[in-house]
């Protein structure tokens, strides 16, 4: 137990959420402490510094996952 997203409790669902591109966890975009990075003009939100670091080290690996997923519907 104890992954990047293991909070041990449930939170109230936020009004504005984004999906962490590394692990897929929902992130509250309106939270002042939310981890955010601007990548090529787009804000990207993260659940933890571990996920943000993985993205920074290889953003294309996580962007390719997203593109290949959406390619299934075209």
N, C-alpha and C. Protein backbone atom coordinates (compact mmCIF):
# COMPACT_ATOMS: atom_id res chain seq x y z
N UNK A 1 0.84 -1.18 0.00
CA UNK A 1 0.00 0.00 0.00
C UNK A 1 0.88 1.24 0.00
N UNK A 2 0.35 2.37 -0.46
CA UNK A 2 1.12 3.60 -0.40
C UNK A 2 1.65 4.06 -1.74
N UNK A 3 0.83 4.00 -2.81
CA UNK A 3 1.23 4.51 -4.10
C UNK A 3 1.13 6.03 -4.13
N UNK A 4 1.31 6.62 -5.27
CA UNK A 4 1.28 8.07 -5.39
C UNK A 4 -0.08 8.65 -5.05
N UNK A 5 -1.13 7.86 -5.21
CA UNK A 5 -2.49 8.37 -5.05
C UNK A 5 -3.21 7.79 -3.84
N UNK A 6 -2.53 7.06 -3.00
CA UNK A 6 -3.16 6.40 -1.87
C UNK A 6 -3.36 7.40 -0.73
N UNK A 7 -4.54 8.01 -0.70
CA UNK A 7 -4.83 9.01 0.31
C UNK A 7 -5.40 8.40 1.59
N UNK A 8 -6.00 7.22 1.51
CA UNK A 8 -6.56 6.57 2.68
C UNK A 8 -7.93 7.08 3.08
N UNK A 9 -8.49 8.02 2.33
CA UNK A 9 -9.83 8.52 2.62
C UNK A 9 -10.43 9.08 1.34
N UNK A 10 -11.76 9.22 1.34
CA UNK A 10 -12.45 9.76 0.17
C UNK A 10 -12.67 11.26 0.35
N UNK A 11 -12.56 11.97 -0.74
CA UNK A 11 -12.79 13.42 -0.72
C UNK A 11 -14.07 13.73 -1.47
N UNK A 12 -14.63 14.90 -1.18
CA UNK A 12 -15.79 15.39 -1.91
C UNK A 12 -15.37 15.64 -3.36
N UNK A 13 -16.23 15.26 -4.29
CA UNK A 13 -15.94 15.47 -5.71
C UNK A 13 -15.89 16.96 -6.02
N UNK A 14 -14.87 17.41 -6.68
CA UNK A 14 -14.69 18.83 -7.02
C UNK A 14 -15.53 19.20 -8.23
N UNK A 15 -15.81 20.49 -8.37
CA UNK A 15 -16.57 20.97 -9.52
C UNK A 15 -15.72 20.99 -10.78
N UNK A 16 -14.46 21.36 -10.67
CA UNK A 16 -13.55 21.41 -11.81
C UNK A 16 -12.44 20.39 -11.58
N UNK A 17 -12.47 19.33 -12.36
CA UNK A 17 -11.45 18.29 -12.19
C UNK A 17 -10.71 18.06 -13.49
N UNK A 18 -9.51 17.59 -13.33
CA UNK A 18 -8.67 17.21 -14.45
C UNK A 18 -8.08 15.84 -14.12
N UNK A 19 -7.65 15.12 -15.12
CA UNK A 19 -7.08 13.81 -14.89
C UNK A 19 -5.56 13.89 -14.94
N UNK A 20 -4.93 13.36 -13.91
CA UNK A 20 -3.46 13.28 -13.87
C UNK A 20 -3.05 12.38 -15.04
N UNK A 21 -2.20 12.89 -15.96
CA UNK A 21 -1.84 12.10 -17.14
C UNK A 21 -0.95 10.89 -16.82
N UNK A 22 -0.36 10.86 -15.64
CA UNK A 22 0.54 9.76 -15.28
C UNK A 22 -0.24 8.59 -14.70
N UNK A 23 -1.08 8.86 -13.68
CA UNK A 23 -1.77 7.76 -13.00
C UNK A 23 -3.27 7.72 -13.25
N UNK A 24 -3.83 8.80 -13.80
CA UNK A 24 -5.26 8.83 -14.10
C UNK A 24 -6.14 9.31 -12.97
N UNK A 25 -5.57 9.69 -11.85
CA UNK A 25 -6.37 10.17 -10.71
C UNK A 25 -7.00 11.51 -11.04
N UNK A 26 -8.22 11.74 -10.53
CA UNK A 26 -8.87 13.04 -10.69
C UNK A 26 -8.22 14.04 -9.75
N UNK A 27 -7.98 15.25 -10.27
CA UNK A 27 -7.33 16.31 -9.50
C UNK A 27 -8.26 17.53 -9.49
N UNK A 28 -8.47 18.11 -8.32
CA UNK A 28 -9.29 19.31 -8.15
C UNK A 28 -8.52 20.52 -8.69
N UNK A 29 -8.93 21.04 -9.82
CA UNK A 29 -8.24 22.16 -10.46
C UNK A 29 -8.40 23.47 -9.69
N UNK A 30 -9.44 23.58 -8.88
CA UNK A 30 -9.70 24.82 -8.16
C UNK A 30 -8.97 24.88 -6.82
N UNK A 31 -8.36 23.80 -6.41
CA UNK A 31 -7.61 23.78 -5.17
C UNK A 31 -6.36 24.65 -5.32
N UNK A 32 -6.18 25.60 -4.43
CA UNK A 32 -5.03 26.51 -4.52
C UNK A 32 -3.70 25.77 -4.43
N UNK A 33 -3.68 24.62 -3.79
CA UNK A 33 -2.45 23.85 -3.66
C UNK A 33 -2.26 22.80 -4.74
N UNK A 34 -3.13 22.81 -5.75
CA UNK A 34 -3.03 21.81 -6.82
C UNK A 34 -1.70 21.95 -7.56
N UNK A 35 -1.10 20.83 -7.87
CA UNK A 35 0.15 20.83 -8.63
C UNK A 35 -0.18 21.00 -10.10
N UNK A 36 0.36 22.05 -10.69
CA UNK A 36 0.03 22.40 -12.08
C UNK A 36 1.29 22.74 -12.83
N UNK A 37 1.32 22.33 -14.08
CA UNK A 37 2.45 22.62 -14.96
C UNK A 37 1.86 23.05 -16.30
N UNK A 38 2.44 24.08 -16.90
CA UNK A 38 2.00 24.47 -18.23
C UNK A 38 2.91 23.77 -19.24
N UNK A 39 2.31 22.93 -20.06
CA UNK A 39 3.06 22.19 -21.06
C UNK A 39 2.52 22.54 -22.44
N UNK A 40 3.33 23.20 -23.24
CA UNK A 40 2.98 23.61 -24.59
C UNK A 40 1.65 24.36 -24.64
N UNK A 41 1.47 25.28 -23.67
CA UNK A 41 0.28 26.12 -23.65
C UNK A 41 -0.93 25.53 -22.95
N UNK A 42 -0.81 24.33 -22.44
CA UNK A 42 -1.92 23.68 -21.75
C UNK A 42 -1.56 23.43 -20.29
N UNK A 43 -2.50 23.72 -19.39
CA UNK A 43 -2.29 23.41 -17.98
C UNK A 43 -2.50 21.93 -17.75
N UNK A 44 -1.56 21.30 -17.07
CA UNK A 44 -1.62 19.88 -16.75
C UNK A 44 -1.56 19.77 -15.23
N UNK A 45 -2.50 19.01 -14.64
CA UNK A 45 -2.60 18.88 -13.19
C UNK A 45 -2.13 17.51 -12.74
N UNK A 46 -1.56 17.47 -11.53
CA UNK A 46 -0.99 16.23 -10.99
C UNK A 46 -1.46 15.99 -9.57
N UNK A 47 -1.56 14.71 -9.19
CA UNK A 47 -1.99 14.34 -7.84
C UNK A 47 -0.84 14.41 -6.85
N UNK A 48 0.39 14.32 -7.32
CA UNK A 48 1.55 14.29 -6.42
C UNK A 48 2.80 14.78 -7.15
N UNK A 49 3.81 15.10 -6.36
CA UNK A 49 5.08 15.52 -6.97
C UNK A 49 5.72 14.34 -7.70
N UNK A 50 5.46 13.11 -7.25
CA UNK A 50 6.02 11.94 -7.93
C UNK A 50 5.49 11.85 -9.36
N UNK A 51 4.18 12.04 -9.52
CA UNK A 51 3.61 11.98 -10.87
C UNK A 51 4.08 13.16 -11.72
N UNK A 52 4.17 14.33 -11.12
CA UNK A 52 4.64 15.51 -11.85
C UNK A 52 6.08 15.31 -12.32
N UNK A 53 6.92 14.74 -11.47
CA UNK A 53 8.32 14.49 -11.84
C UNK A 53 8.41 13.48 -12.98
N UNK A 54 7.60 12.43 -12.94
CA UNK A 54 7.61 11.45 -14.03
C UNK A 54 7.22 12.12 -15.34
N UNK A 55 6.22 12.99 -15.31
CA UNK A 55 5.79 13.70 -16.51
C UNK A 55 6.88 14.62 -17.02
N UNK A 56 7.50 15.38 -16.13
CA UNK A 56 8.57 16.31 -16.53
C UNK A 56 9.72 15.57 -17.19
N UNK A 57 10.06 14.41 -16.66
CA UNK A 57 11.18 13.63 -17.21
C UNK A 57 10.88 13.02 -18.58
N UNK A 58 9.60 12.78 -18.91
CA UNK A 58 9.27 12.18 -20.20
C UNK A 58 7.82 12.49 -20.57
N UNK A 59 7.49 13.76 -20.86
CA UNK A 59 6.10 14.12 -21.14
C UNK A 59 5.52 13.38 -22.34
N UNK A 60 6.32 13.14 -23.35
CA UNK A 60 5.81 12.48 -24.55
C UNK A 60 5.29 11.07 -24.26
N UNK A 61 5.89 10.39 -23.31
CA UNK A 61 5.43 9.04 -22.96
C UNK A 61 3.99 9.07 -22.46
N UNK A 62 3.63 10.10 -21.71
CA UNK A 62 2.29 10.20 -21.16
C UNK A 62 1.32 10.84 -22.15
N UNK A 63 1.81 11.70 -23.00
CA UNK A 63 0.96 12.29 -24.03
C UNK A 63 0.63 11.26 -25.11
N UNK A 64 1.56 10.37 -25.41
CA UNK A 64 1.32 9.30 -26.39
C UNK A 64 0.23 8.36 -25.89
N UNK A 65 0.22 8.06 -24.60
CA UNK A 65 -0.82 7.20 -24.04
C UNK A 65 -2.19 7.80 -24.28
N UNK A 66 -2.29 9.11 -24.05
CA UNK A 66 -3.56 9.80 -24.22
C UNK A 66 -3.98 9.79 -25.69
N UNK A 67 -3.04 10.07 -26.59
CA UNK A 67 -3.35 10.09 -28.02
C UNK A 67 -3.76 8.70 -28.51
N UNK A 68 -3.08 7.66 -28.06
CA UNK A 68 -3.42 6.31 -28.53
C UNK A 68 -4.79 5.90 -28.01
N UNK A 69 -5.17 6.32 -26.82
CA UNK A 69 -6.48 6.01 -26.28
C UNK A 69 -7.56 6.66 -27.15
N UNK A 70 -7.40 7.95 -27.48
CA UNK A 70 -8.40 8.64 -28.27
C UNK A 70 -8.39 8.14 -29.73
N UNK A 71 -7.29 7.60 -30.18
CA UNK A 71 -7.24 7.05 -31.52
C UNK A 71 -8.14 5.85 -31.71
N UNK A 72 -8.50 5.20 -30.61
CA UNK A 72 -9.39 4.03 -30.69
C UNK A 72 -10.78 4.41 -31.17
N UNK A 73 -11.16 5.67 -30.99
CA UNK A 73 -12.51 6.10 -31.32
C UNK A 73 -12.61 6.77 -32.68
N UNK A 74 -11.52 6.88 -33.38
CA UNK A 74 -11.54 7.56 -34.70
C UNK A 74 -11.72 6.56 -35.81
